[in-house]
Protein backbone atom coordinates (compact mmCIF):
# COMPACT_ATOMS: atom_id res chain seq x y z
CA MET A 1 -14.46 -2.42 -2.26
CA ILE A 2 -12.00 -3.95 -4.89
CA VAL A 3 -8.71 -2.09 -4.37
CA ASP A 4 -5.66 -2.54 -6.80
CA ALA A 5 -2.15 -3.35 -4.84
CA GLY A 6 0.76 -1.69 -6.89
CA ILE A 7 4.31 -1.63 -5.77
CA TYR A 8 6.24 1.67 -7.83
CA LEU A 9 9.23 3.26 -8.36
CA PHE A 10 9.82 5.88 -5.38
CA ASP A 11 12.30 8.79 -5.59
CA HIS A 12 13.17 8.75 -1.96
CA ARG A 13 15.44 11.60 -2.14
CA LEU A 14 12.76 13.83 -3.64
CA TYR A 15 10.15 12.64 -0.92
CA ARG A 16 12.78 13.55 1.73
CA GLU A 17 13.32 16.85 0.44
CA ARG A 18 9.77 18.07 -0.71
CA VAL A 19 7.15 15.98 0.65
CA VAL A 20 8.43 15.57 4.10
CA SER A 21 9.89 19.43 4.60
CA ALA A 22 6.25 20.78 3.23
CA VAL A 23 4.67 18.36 5.62
CA ARG A 24 6.31 19.29 8.67
CA ARG A 25 6.15 23.07 7.72
CA LEU A 26 2.21 22.83 7.20
CA HIS A 27 2.44 21.09 10.52
CA ALA A 28 5.01 24.16 12.37
CA THR A 29 3.70 26.98 10.80
CA GLY A 30 0.17 26.39 8.85
CA GLN A 31 2.05 27.66 5.11
CA VAL A 32 1.54 25.76 2.50
CA GLU A 33 4.29 25.00 -0.33
CA PRO A 34 3.18 26.19 -3.90
CA TRP A 35 3.59 22.97 -5.40
CA LEU A 36 1.46 21.27 -2.60
CA GLU A 37 -1.46 23.81 -3.09
CA ALA A 38 -0.76 23.00 -6.84
CA ALA A 39 -0.97 18.89 -6.30
CA TRP A 40 -4.35 19.56 -3.98
CA GLN A 41 -6.09 21.71 -6.75
CA SER A 42 -5.31 19.61 -9.16
CA ARG A 43 -7.71 17.12 -8.06
CA HIS A 44 -10.36 19.69 -6.52
CA HIS A 45 -12.63 21.74 -8.90
CA PRO A 46 -13.54 24.02 -8.03
CA PRO A 47 -10.68 25.12 -6.25
CA THR A 48 -11.28 24.27 -2.38
CA PRO A 49 -8.97 25.12 0.90
CA VAL A 50 -5.57 22.98 1.37
CA PRO A 51 -6.64 21.29 4.82
CA ARG A 52 -4.11 22.48 8.13
CA PHE A 53 -3.59 20.93 11.01
CA THR A 54 -5.98 22.05 13.65
CA SER A 55 -4.20 22.22 17.11
CA HIS A 56 -6.04 18.74 17.93
CA LEU A 57 -4.17 17.40 15.33
CA ARG A 58 -0.87 19.08 16.05
CA GLU A 59 -0.73 17.68 19.29
CA VAL A 60 -1.62 14.34 18.31
CA THR A 61 0.41 13.90 15.59
CA ALA A 62 3.80 15.50 16.92
CA ASP A 63 5.55 12.16 17.70
CA LEU A 64 4.32 11.21 13.88
CA ILE A 65 6.07 14.38 12.38
CA ALA A 66 9.03 14.07 14.11
CA SER A 67 9.67 10.46 13.10
CA PRO A 68 12.22 9.80 10.63
CA ASP A 69 10.62 9.86 7.05
CA LEU A 70 7.00 10.62 8.58
CA ALA A 71 6.64 6.71 9.13
CA GLY A 72 4.49 5.11 11.54
CA THR A 73 0.93 4.19 12.64
CA THR A 74 -2.08 5.71 13.07
CA PRO A 75 -1.37 8.13 16.28
CA SER A 76 -3.51 6.96 19.16
CA GLY A 77 -5.25 10.27 19.67
CA LEU A 78 -6.90 9.66 16.38
CA ILE A 79 -8.34 6.48 17.09
CA ALA A 80 -12.01 6.76 16.94
CA PRO A 81 -13.83 5.13 20.16
CA PRO A 82 -16.60 2.40 19.45
CA THR A 83 -19.70 3.77 18.30
CA ARG A 84 -22.02 3.23 20.76
CA PRO A 85 -25.93 3.14 20.64
CA ARG A 86 -28.00 6.30 21.14
CA ARG A 87 -30.40 6.37 23.63
CA ARG A 88 -32.34 8.88 25.17
CA ARG A 89 -31.18 10.48 27.97
CA PRO A 90 -32.93 12.51 31.01
CA ALA A 91 -32.72 15.83 31.54
CA ALA A 92 -30.12 17.38 33.51
CA ARG A 93 -31.31 18.54 36.76
CA THR A 94 -30.89 22.15 35.47
CA GLY A 95 -32.79 21.98 32.90
CA GLY A 96 -32.06 20.91 29.52
CA PRO A 97 -30.40 17.28 28.10
CA GLY A 98 -27.05 17.20 29.45
CA ASP A 99 -24.67 18.37 26.19
CA GLY A 100 -21.35 19.40 28.07
CA PRO A 101 -17.92 17.88 27.22
CA GLY A 102 -18.45 14.67 28.90
CA ASP A 103 -21.63 13.90 27.12
CA PRO A 104 -21.15 10.89 25.12
CA GLU A 105 -22.77 11.92 21.86
CA ALA A 106 -20.61 15.54 22.09
CA VAL A 107 -17.57 13.63 22.19
CA GLU A 108 -18.53 11.25 19.68
CA GLN A 109 -18.94 13.86 17.30
CA GLU A 110 -15.76 15.53 18.31
CA ALA A 111 -14.27 12.20 17.53
CA VAL A 112 -15.79 12.07 14.20
CA GLU A 113 -15.15 15.79 13.18
CA HIS A 114 -11.19 15.12 14.24
CA GLU A 115 -11.12 12.22 11.85
CA ARG A 116 -12.31 14.13 8.70
CA GLU A 117 -9.86 16.91 9.11
CA TRP A 118 -7.04 14.13 9.49
CA GLN A 119 -8.66 11.98 6.60
CA GLU A 120 -7.91 15.36 4.58
CA LEU A 121 -4.60 15.65 5.69
CA ARG A 122 -3.94 12.03 4.72
CA HIS A 123 -5.63 12.91 1.25
CA LEU A 124 -3.32 15.74 0.84
CA PHE A 125 -0.35 13.64 1.43
CA ARG A 126 -1.25 10.86 -0.69
CA LEU A 127 -1.19 13.60 -3.81
CA ALA A 128 1.83 14.86 -2.68
CA VAL A 129 3.10 11.45 -2.87
CA GLU A 130 1.49 10.74 -6.00
CA THR A 131 2.88 14.48 -7.87
CA THR A 132 6.59 14.45 -6.67
CA CYS A 133 8.22 11.25 -6.19
CA LEU A 134 5.69 8.38 -7.24
CA GLY A 135 7.26 6.89 -10.42
CA ALA A 136 6.05 3.64 -12.67
CA GLY A 137 4.40 1.06 -11.33
CA VAL A 138 2.66 -2.22 -11.92
CA PHE A 139 -0.42 -4.14 -10.88
CA VAL A 140 -0.20 -6.97 -8.07
CA GLY A 141 -3.10 -7.98 -7.20
CA ASN A 142 -6.31 -7.18 -5.16
CA ALA A 143 -5.70 -5.95 -1.63
CA VAL A 144 -2.49 -7.37 -1.48
CA ASP A 145 0.45 -6.59 0.96
CA ALA A 146 3.99 -7.33 0.94
CA PRO A 147 4.18 -9.68 3.60
CA GLU A 148 2.04 -12.13 2.21
CA LEU A 149 4.57 -12.86 -0.56
CA ALA A 150 6.49 -15.03 1.97
CA PHE A 151 3.36 -17.64 2.14
CA CYS A 152 2.39 -20.03 -0.52
CA LEU A 153 1.09 -23.26 0.19
CA ASP A 154 2.99 -25.35 -2.28
CA GLU A 155 6.22 -23.50 -2.32
CA PRO A 156 6.97 -22.22 0.84
CA VAL A 157 10.08 -19.56 1.10
CA MET A 158 11.96 -19.01 4.48
CA PHE A 159 13.10 -15.44 3.91
CA HIS A 160 16.09 -14.19 5.79
CA PRO A 161 14.69 -12.21 9.02
CA ASP A 162 16.10 -8.82 7.29
CA VAL A 163 13.81 -9.85 4.40
CA ARG A 164 10.69 -10.13 6.01
CA ALA A 165 11.72 -6.64 7.91
CA CYS A 166 11.35 -5.43 4.42
CA LEU A 167 8.23 -6.70 3.48
CA GLU A 168 6.89 -5.57 6.63
CA TRP A 169 7.74 -2.03 6.03
CA LEU A 170 6.58 -2.13 2.42
CA ALA A 171 3.02 -2.73 4.25
CA GLU A 172 3.66 -0.58 7.64
CA ARG A 173 5.46 2.73 6.96
CA GLY A 174 3.09 4.62 5.73
CA ARG A 175 0.05 3.03 7.83
CA ALA A 176 -0.73 6.42 9.35
CA TRP A 177 -1.12 8.01 6.34
CA SER A 178 -3.77 5.74 4.64
CA LEU A 179 -6.93 6.66 3.51
CA GLY A 180 -9.31 4.39 5.36
CA ASP A 181 -13.04 4.04 5.37
CA GLU A 182 -15.32 0.95 6.70
CA ASP A 183 -14.48 -0.90 3.00
CA ALA A 184 -10.71 -0.72 2.99
CA VAL A 185 -7.83 1.36 3.58
CA ILE A 186 -6.31 2.81 0.47
CA GLY A 187 -3.15 4.77 -0.23
CA VAL A 188 0.41 4.34 0.53
CA ARG A 189 1.01 1.42 2.46
CA GLY A 190 4.67 1.63 2.83
CA TRP A 191 8.44 2.27 1.11
CA LEU A 192 12.23 1.04 1.00
CA ASP A 193 14.61 3.60 0.68
CA PRO A 194 17.41 3.01 -2.09
CA VAL A 195 19.79 0.67 0.21
CA GLU A 196 16.90 -0.75 1.62
CA THR A 197 15.54 -2.03 -1.82
CA TRP A 198 18.91 -2.61 -3.11
CA PHE A 199 19.59 -5.43 -0.25
CA LEU A 200 15.89 -6.42 -1.02
CA ALA A 201 16.47 -7.33 -4.44
CA ASP A 202 19.98 -8.99 -3.83
CA GLU A 203 18.38 -11.25 -1.53
CA LEU A 204 15.61 -12.52 -3.76
CA ASP A 205 17.78 -12.67 -6.48
CA GLN A 206 19.24 -15.72 -4.33
CA VAL A 207 15.66 -17.30 -4.20
CA ALA A 208 14.41 -19.65 -6.96
CA LEU A 209 11.91 -17.17 -8.85
CA PRO A 210 9.90 -17.59 -11.93
CA PRO A 211 12.62 -15.50 -14.51
CA ILE A 212 11.47 -12.40 -15.30
CA ASP A 213 13.57 -9.56 -16.53
CA ALA A 214 14.03 -6.20 -14.94
CA SER A 215 11.85 -4.26 -16.79
CA PHE A 216 8.15 -3.76 -17.04
CA ALA A 217 7.50 -4.68 -20.44
CA ALA A 218 8.78 -8.48 -19.18
CA ILE A 219 6.74 -8.00 -16.16
CA ARG A 220 3.63 -7.45 -17.98
CA ALA A 221 4.38 -10.39 -20.43
CA ALA A 222 4.95 -12.74 -17.29
CA ARG A 223 1.35 -11.89 -15.51
CA ALA A 224 -0.06 -12.10 -19.23
CA SER A 225 1.44 -15.59 -19.59
CA GLY A 226 0.39 -16.57 -16.24
CA ILE A 227 3.84 -18.25 -14.99
CA GLY A 228 4.65 -18.35 -11.82
CA THR A 229 1.33 -19.24 -10.16
CA CYS A 230 1.03 -21.83 -7.65
CA ALA A 231 -1.40 -24.48 -6.74
CA ASP A 232 -3.22 -22.99 -4.26
CA GLY A 233 -4.83 -20.28 -6.36
CA GLN A 234 -2.78 -17.65 -5.43
CA SER A 235 0.36 -15.76 -7.68
CA HIS A 236 3.19 -15.61 -5.33
CA PRO A 237 5.73 -16.88 -6.65
CA ARG A 238 5.31 -14.82 -9.73
CA LEU A 239 4.50 -11.65 -7.62
CA ARG A 240 7.73 -12.43 -5.57
CA ALA A 241 9.55 -11.96 -9.29
CA THR A 242 7.75 -9.26 -9.78
CA VAL A 243 8.76 -7.49 -6.63
CA ARG A 244 12.79 -8.82 -7.08
CA ALA A 245 12.18 -7.27 -10.76
CA VAL A 246 10.63 -3.65 -9.96
CA ALA A 247 13.42 -3.76 -7.26
CA ALA A 248 16.07 -4.46 -9.27
CA ILE A 249 14.71 -1.65 -11.81
CA ALA A 250 15.03 1.06 -8.86
CA VAL A 251 18.54 -0.13 -7.97
CA GLU A 252 19.80 0.61 -11.33
CA ARG A 253 17.87 4.24 -10.86
CA GLY A 254 19.23 4.80 -7.59
CA GLN A 255 15.46 4.55 -6.65
CA GLY A 256 13.84 3.02 -3.50
CA VAL A 257 10.27 1.17 -4.03
CA LEU A 258 6.80 1.87 -2.54
CA TRP A 259 3.91 -0.15 -2.07
CA GLY A 260 0.13 0.98 -2.32
CA TRP A 261 -3.38 0.11 -3.17
CA ASP A 262 -5.35 2.30 -5.49
CA LEU A 263 -2.72 5.19 -6.24
CA THR A 264 -2.67 6.87 -9.34
CA PRO A 265 0.71 6.82 -10.97
CA PRO A 266 2.24 8.64 -13.77
CA GLY A 267 2.50 6.36 -16.96
CA ASP A 268 4.97 3.48 -16.94
CA ASP A 269 8.37 4.86 -18.51
């Protein structure tokens, strides 16, 4: 599966005020904010019920929901055990196949159902972000993650550890909310708040990178021209310059940046 990676302007204030608040309320009370209901139904025809946290999901996601900005990795209670090969079991002595709570097939089926329910909630989170706080963005490559921008065989860059941390946050902060299947993990990957975005833009401004002005038109023109492609066949110098340019635009607007795979952003402004 080919997925498109992109970096977007991110209204971190709206994210905290609306998305984080709405998800926590949904987790605690089961109540759905009207705007969240509208976001869900905008992608579902005919209308379908907005997913809720089951008692199991409320329990295993408690730490994630309480974490700053809902950032984190997939809770251990939602990591499905490896699938075991099916085999016929002898009937229990009391008669009939074993189907109690310790039955492997029953346990596996329960894990599959929990994963389905969690997938629906992750889809809701993605829609909430896309419709509320995701701004204009640019394509950066197929299945590219931010930490990869630190590597290029013919032009190594030794980033400050704090810069590398920012790149890791862009790839990891939203990992719990990414939509996964056997082919790829899509959706929100991670984000930076406005202060972190300013730091990243300032640090990248001190690195020798292809000249790309802080505008979406300039970013698109640079990609079309092919500047900044390195000898190993990747385009990390240009991508680093693209990240710098988008971060600079975000700084001008007092926003953060978000990294995502196969997101549906509004039109570029």
